[in-house]
Protein backbone atom coordinates (compact mmCIF):
# COMPACT_ATOMS: atom_id res chain seq x y z
CA MET A 1 132.69 -152.78 182.97
CA ARG A 2 134.52 -155.13 181.40
CA GLN A 3 134.06 -156.48 177.84
CA ARG A 4 134.87 -159.49 176.84
CA ALA A 5 135.90 -160.64 173.11
CA GLY A 6 136.53 -164.23 172.08
CA ARG A 7 138.95 -165.83 174.96
CA GLY A 8 140.41 -162.55 176.36
CA ALA A 9 139.25 -159.65 178.00
CA THR A 10 140.35 -156.00 178.71
CA ARG A 11 138.94 -152.81 180.53
CA ARG A 12 138.09 -149.61 178.93
CA GLU A 13 140.43 -147.82 181.35
CA GLY A 14 144.09 -147.63 180.49
CA LEU A 15 143.71 -147.91 176.77
CA ARG A 16 146.21 -149.60 174.98
CA GLU A 17 147.80 -148.46 171.37
CA GLY A 18 145.27 -149.17 168.84
CA PRO A 19 145.40 -149.82 164.92
CA GLY A 20 147.37 -147.30 163.08
CA GLY A 21 149.84 -146.86 165.84
CA GLY A 22 147.84 -144.37 167.31
CA SER A 23 146.48 -143.92 170.91
CA GLY A 24 143.52 -145.62 171.76
CA GLU A 25 141.82 -142.56 173.78
CA GLY A 26 139.12 -140.75 171.49
CA SER A 27 139.03 -136.75 172.17
CA GLY A 28 135.93 -135.83 173.19
CA GLY A 29 132.31 -136.97 171.96
CA GLY A 30 130.13 -139.39 172.84
CA SER A 31 131.50 -143.08 172.18
CA GLY A 32 129.53 -146.30 171.38
CA ARG A 33 130.19 -149.77 170.35
CA GLY A 34 131.67 -149.53 166.67
CA GLY A 35 132.12 -145.39 167.16
CA ALA A 36 128.55 -144.43 166.66
CA GLY A 37 129.68 -141.02 168.24
CA GLY A 38 129.77 -137.74 166.09
CA GLU A 39 133.31 -137.37 166.87
CA GLY A 40 133.65 -140.90 164.90
CA HIS A 41 133.21 -139.25 161.65
CA ARG A 42 135.83 -136.51 161.67
CA PRO A 43 137.56 -136.32 158.52
CA GLY A 44 140.63 -134.87 160.06
CA LEU A 45 140.74 -137.99 162.52
CA TYR A 46 140.89 -140.43 159.88
CA ALA A 47 143.56 -138.46 157.92
CA ALA A 48 145.64 -138.59 160.85
CA VAL A 49 144.91 -142.36 161.18
CA ALA A 50 146.20 -142.65 157.65
CA ALA A 51 149.30 -140.84 158.29
CA GLY A 52 149.86 -143.00 161.28
CA GLY A 53 149.47 -145.95 159.05
CA PHE A 54 152.06 -144.48 156.41
CA ARG A 55 154.72 -143.46 159.17
CA ARG A 56 154.38 -147.10 160.88
CA TYR A 57 155.13 -148.94 157.86
CA ALA A 58 158.04 -146.29 157.02
CA THR A 59 159.77 -147.14 160.00
CA TYR A 60 160.65 -151.19 158.69
CA GLY A 61 163.26 -149.97 156.57
CA THR A 62 164.80 -153.34 156.23
CA ALA A 63 161.68 -155.08 155.54
CA THR A 64 161.16 -152.56 153.05
CA ALA A 65 164.26 -153.04 151.01
CA ALA A 66 164.05 -156.96 151.15
CA GLY A 67 160.47 -156.76 149.78
CA VAL A 68 161.82 -154.50 146.91
CA PHE A 69 164.47 -156.81 146.08
CA THR A 70 161.87 -159.78 146.16
CA ASN A 71 159.32 -157.86 143.76
CA THR A 72 162.24 -157.29 141.49
CA VAL A 73 163.74 -160.42 141.26
CA PHE A 74 160.20 -162.43 140.80
CA GLY A 75 159.40 -159.77 138.46
CA PHE A 76 162.27 -160.51 136.44
CA ILE A 77 161.12 -164.35 136.61
CA VAL A 78 157.64 -163.90 135.71
CA ALA A 79 158.60 -161.57 133.02
CA TYR A 80 160.85 -163.83 131.07
CA THR A 81 158.22 -166.52 131.70
CA TYR A 82 155.46 -164.46 129.89
CA ILE A 83 158.05 -163.50 127.20
CA ALA A 84 158.52 -167.04 126.45
CA LEU A 85 154.70 -167.68 126.54
CA TRP A 86 153.84 -164.79 124.24
CA ASP A 87 156.48 -165.89 122.23
CA GLU A 88 154.31 -168.92 121.29
CA ARG A 89 150.93 -167.16 121.87
CA PRO A 90 150.99 -163.68 120.35
CA GLY A 91 148.15 -161.43 121.41
CA LEU A 92 147.16 -164.16 123.88
CA GLY A 93 144.37 -162.71 126.00
CA GLY A 94 144.25 -159.44 124.02
CA TYR A 95 147.60 -158.28 125.06
CA ASP A 96 150.93 -157.72 123.02
CA GLN A 97 153.96 -158.51 124.58
CA ALA A 98 154.60 -155.39 125.61
CA GLN A 99 151.25 -155.04 127.22
CA ALA A 100 151.79 -158.44 128.82
CA LEU A 101 155.16 -157.39 130.40
CA THR A 102 153.41 -154.05 131.78
CA PHE A 103 150.76 -156.40 133.29
CA VAL A 104 153.76 -157.96 135.21
CA TRP A 105 155.79 -154.90 136.36
CA VAL A 106 152.55 -153.11 137.56
CA SER A 107 151.42 -156.12 139.23
CA GLN A 108 154.37 -156.25 141.29
CA ALA A 109 154.41 -152.75 142.04
CA MET A 110 150.57 -153.11 143.28
CA LEU A 111 151.37 -156.56 144.92
CA ALA A 112 152.31 -155.29 148.37
CA ALA A 113 150.01 -152.39 148.27
CA ALA A 114 146.84 -154.80 147.88
CA SER A 115 148.20 -157.40 150.11
CA LEU A 116 147.75 -160.03 147.19
CA LEU A 117 149.69 -162.35 149.07
CA GLY A 118 148.26 -161.96 152.38
CA GLY A 119 149.18 -160.26 155.31
CA GLY A 120 148.23 -156.72 156.62
CA PHE A 121 145.86 -155.39 159.15
CA GLN A 122 143.01 -158.28 158.97
CA GLU A 123 145.82 -160.55 161.20
CA GLU A 124 146.25 -157.70 163.71
CA VAL A 125 142.29 -157.55 163.86
CA GLN A 126 142.20 -161.25 164.32
CA GLU A 127 144.89 -161.08 167.26
CA ARG A 128 143.07 -158.50 169.16
CA ILE A 129 139.88 -160.48 168.54
CA ARG A 130 141.71 -163.39 170.05
CA THR A 131 143.04 -161.28 173.34
CA GLY A 132 140.02 -159.07 173.82
CA ASP A 133 141.71 -155.82 172.95
CA ILE A 134 139.10 -155.38 170.13
CA ALA A 135 136.62 -154.45 173.16
CA VAL A 136 138.91 -151.30 173.43
CA ASP A 137 138.35 -150.68 169.65
CA LEU A 138 134.49 -150.86 170.17
CA TYR A 139 134.66 -148.35 172.58
CA ARG A 140 136.66 -145.70 170.98
CA PRO A 141 135.15 -142.61 169.65
CA ALA A 142 135.51 -143.25 166.11
CA ASP A 143 134.03 -145.98 163.57
CA LEU A 144 135.77 -149.22 163.29
CA GLN A 145 135.71 -149.72 159.80
CA LEU A 146 136.75 -146.26 158.87
CA TRP A 147 139.35 -146.29 161.41
CA TRP A 148 140.94 -149.80 160.08
CA LEU A 149 140.16 -148.31 156.44
CA ALA A 150 142.15 -145.19 156.97
CA ALA A 151 145.03 -147.47 158.67
CA ASP A 152 145.27 -149.28 155.93
CA LEU A 153 145.05 -146.98 153.09
CA GLY A 154 147.92 -145.05 154.85
CA ARG A 155 150.06 -148.48 154.75
CA ALA A 156 149.09 -148.92 151.37
CA ALA A 157 150.07 -145.49 150.22
CA PHE A 158 153.72 -146.24 151.50
CA GLN A 159 153.61 -149.64 149.96
CA LEU A 160 153.14 -148.24 146.66
CA LEU A 161 155.69 -145.92 147.21
CA GLY A 162 158.40 -147.67 148.96
CA ARG A 163 158.13 -150.99 147.16
CA GLY A 164 156.32 -150.71 143.97
CA ALA A 165 158.24 -147.82 142.34
CA VAL A 166 161.37 -149.57 142.32
CA PRO A 167 160.28 -152.59 140.82
CA LEU A 168 158.38 -150.78 138.10
CA LEU A 169 161.50 -148.70 137.42
CA ALA A 170 163.77 -151.72 136.90
CA GLY A 171 161.09 -153.11 134.78
CA ALA A 172 160.67 -150.09 132.32
CA LEU A 173 164.66 -149.95 132.02
CA ALA A 174 164.98 -153.32 131.28
CA PHE A 175 162.00 -154.37 128.82
CA ARG A 176 159.65 -152.55 126.85
CA LEU A 177 156.74 -151.65 128.45
CA ALA A 178 153.24 -150.06 126.90
CA LEU A 179 153.01 -147.36 129.44
CA PRO A 180 150.70 -144.50 128.41
CA ALA A 181 151.62 -141.23 127.61
CA ASP A 182 148.18 -139.83 127.92
CA PRO A 183 147.85 -137.85 131.28
CA ALA A 184 143.74 -138.80 131.45
CA ARG A 185 144.72 -142.51 131.57
CA TRP A 186 147.15 -142.02 134.43
CA LEU A 187 144.38 -140.31 136.40
CA LEU A 188 141.57 -143.00 135.71
CA PHE A 189 144.25 -145.27 136.64
CA ALA A 190 144.97 -143.52 139.97
CA VAL A 191 141.31 -143.75 140.69
CA SER A 192 141.11 -147.83 139.91
CA VAL A 193 143.91 -148.24 141.94
CA VAL A 194 141.88 -146.27 145.39
CA LEU A 195 139.12 -148.56 144.31
CA ALA A 196 141.07 -151.82 144.01
CA LEU A 197 142.69 -150.82 147.76
CA THR A 198 139.22 -150.30 149.17
CA VAL A 199 137.92 -153.63 147.29
CA SER A 200 141.04 -155.38 149.13
CA PHE A 201 140.46 -153.52 152.28
CA ALA A 202 136.63 -154.76 152.30
CA VAL A 203 137.62 -158.56 151.62
CA ARG A 204 140.06 -158.46 154.24
CA TYR A 205 138.04 -156.53 156.66
CA LEU A 206 135.61 -159.39 156.47
CA LEU A 207 138.67 -162.01 157.09
CA GLY A 208 139.60 -159.84 160.27
CA LEU A 209 136.01 -160.12 161.65
CA ALA A 210 135.44 -163.96 161.08
CA ALA A 211 137.98 -164.49 164.11
CA PHE A 212 135.00 -163.44 166.21
CA TRP A 213 133.76 -167.04 165.22
CA LEU A 214 136.87 -168.85 164.27
CA MET A 215 139.11 -167.57 166.91
CA ASP A 216 142.13 -168.68 164.78
CA GLY A 217 142.40 -166.87 161.51
CA ALA A 218 145.47 -168.79 160.01
CA GLY A 219 143.42 -171.18 158.36
CA ILE A 220 141.10 -168.81 156.41
CA ASN A 221 144.00 -166.62 155.49
CA MET A 222 145.79 -168.98 153.86
CA MET A 223 142.84 -170.06 151.89
CA ALA A 224 141.99 -166.48 150.95
CA ALA A 225 145.77 -165.95 149.88
CA VAL A 226 145.43 -168.57 147.36
CA VAL A 227 142.00 -167.48 145.97
CA THR A 228 143.31 -164.02 145.79
CA ILE A 229 146.39 -164.78 144.02
CA PHE A 230 144.55 -166.86 141.19
CA PHE A 231 141.51 -164.63 140.98
CA SER A 232 142.99 -161.38 141.03
CA GLY A 233 145.20 -161.98 137.94
CA MET A 234 148.43 -162.11 139.65
CA LEU A 235 149.65 -165.23 138.20
CA LEU A 236 148.30 -164.82 134.78
CA PRO A 237 145.68 -162.33 133.10
CA LEU A 238 142.12 -163.16 133.78
CA THR A 239 141.41 -162.37 129.94
CA VAL A 240 143.58 -165.96 129.01
CA PHE A 241 140.88 -167.88 130.79
CA PRO A 242 138.13 -168.95 127.90
CA GLY A 243 134.49 -169.39 127.70
CA GLY A 244 132.22 -169.14 130.82
CA PHE A 245 134.92 -169.60 133.36
CA GLY A 246 136.81 -166.81 132.05
CA GLU A 247 133.66 -164.80 132.11
CA LEU A 248 132.69 -165.73 135.69
CA VAL A 249 136.09 -164.96 137.08
CA ARG A 250 136.16 -161.50 135.76
CA LEU A 251 132.92 -160.70 137.43
CA LEU A 252 134.23 -161.96 140.92
CA PRO A 253 135.46 -158.98 143.71
CA TRP A 254 139.29 -160.12 143.12
CA SER A 255 139.27 -159.00 139.46
CA ALA A 256 139.07 -155.58 140.77
CA MET A 257 141.94 -155.80 142.72
CA LEU A 258 144.38 -156.07 139.79
CA GLN A 259 142.86 -157.24 136.28
CA VAL A 260 140.44 -153.96 136.07
CA PRO A 261 143.38 -151.49 137.38
CA LEU A 262 145.81 -153.14 134.74
CA ASP A 263 143.24 -153.17 131.73
CA VAL A 264 142.20 -149.14 132.65
CA LEU A 265 145.90 -148.30 132.61
CA LEU A 266 146.55 -150.41 129.20
CA GLY A 267 143.66 -149.00 128.08
CA THR A 268 141.85 -152.18 126.98
CA HIS A 269 138.22 -151.14 127.85
CA ALA A 270 136.52 -149.31 124.80
CA GLY A 271 136.86 -145.57 125.06
CA ALA A 272 135.72 -143.21 127.85
CA GLY A 273 132.47 -145.15 128.65
CA GLY A 274 134.79 -149.09 128.97
CA ALA A 275 136.47 -147.32 131.66
CA ALA A 276 133.73 -145.66 133.27
CA ARG A 277 132.26 -148.93 133.75
CA ALA A 278 135.18 -150.63 134.91
CA LEU A 279 135.72 -148.09 137.61
CA ALA A 280 131.74 -148.68 138.22
CA PHE A 281 132.36 -152.18 138.49
CA GLN A 282 135.01 -151.83 141.07
CA ALA A 283 132.74 -149.03 143.14
CA GLY A 284 129.96 -151.61 143.01
CA TRP A 285 131.94 -154.24 144.83
CA ALA A 286 133.67 -151.64 147.54
CA LEU A 287 130.24 -150.72 148.20
CA VAL A 288 128.83 -154.21 148.45
CA LEU A 289 131.71 -155.52 150.49
CA LEU A 290 131.84 -152.60 152.64
CA GLY A 291 128.02 -152.95 153.41
CA ALA A 292 128.76 -156.31 154.28
CA GLY A 293 131.62 -155.81 156.39
CA ARG A 294 128.86 -153.42 158.39
CA LEU A 295 126.56 -156.20 158.60
CA VAL A 296 129.21 -158.61 159.86
CA GLN A 297 130.81 -156.08 162.34
CA SER A 298 126.91 -155.45 163.69
CA ALA A 299 126.61 -159.15 164.45
CA ALA A 300 130.16 -159.38 166.10
CA THR A 301 129.14 -156.38 168.13
CA ARG A 302 126.30 -158.25 169.43
CA LYS A 303 128.62 -161.38 170.24
CA VAL A 304 130.52 -159.13 172.36
CA VAL A 305 127.48 -157.72 174.20
CA ILE A 306 126.44 -161.42 175.04
CA GLN A 307 129.77 -162.46 176.39
CA GLY A 308 130.33 -159.46 178.10
CA GLY A 309 130.35 -159.10 181.77
């Protein structure tokens, strides 16, 4: 049987290396489009995929070192810009200067992990759709969305450690940061980061699947990067925007990628109830966007069937 996806075609036999750097062949179980078989829901399978994603990015030592340098330099540039801004407007956005600087450096630590500047797995998905290799993924005895989520979380874990730790340490040594001493706050922040990465994945998964219809994802990737940079709070905390516009941008899913985790860390939410509402906000967007990804994946699968030979 041959399956066509976009302009390319690939056979079920002779599976190529798939996402996460692992083999495209499944182990036992019934296979189906999108991994409907029971084998596709083994936790151990996705743990292995996540570990493969971590190892895959750990091999790029030179790129990681360059990223650490870039994040650190950019962090200093933004930090001194924030110092000048907060000197003129103390308490801007509800933050004091130490909190604003913490926002800068934790943002730099999360930048690559959450793919706030673009890049990441969605470009690989788009390329596999363009070449037709996505047909292999659809026949793998694993759930397509969970496979890519596991691979991306593995990548993000490495980026947090490999590219995030050094810039944050540099910022903490050079400036007075408002890092919490309460372990419970750090635990809430860790949960918020996982939810932020999931929301980021869900948005980028939709971008990847868009290639079933657009064929070339370069344009939509560029637009998505601009939107993410602004609406996540990467340029400025979203709390500095006044009135209805500020309320609107804080309700959008991009705020769940950066603004919300930073507010959880800084403790700007009132009490444990405020932090719980923030996490619920992130979880809600994660569920909505993952569900949307399921619907688009289903439509894309039908498109592959229609184009199949």
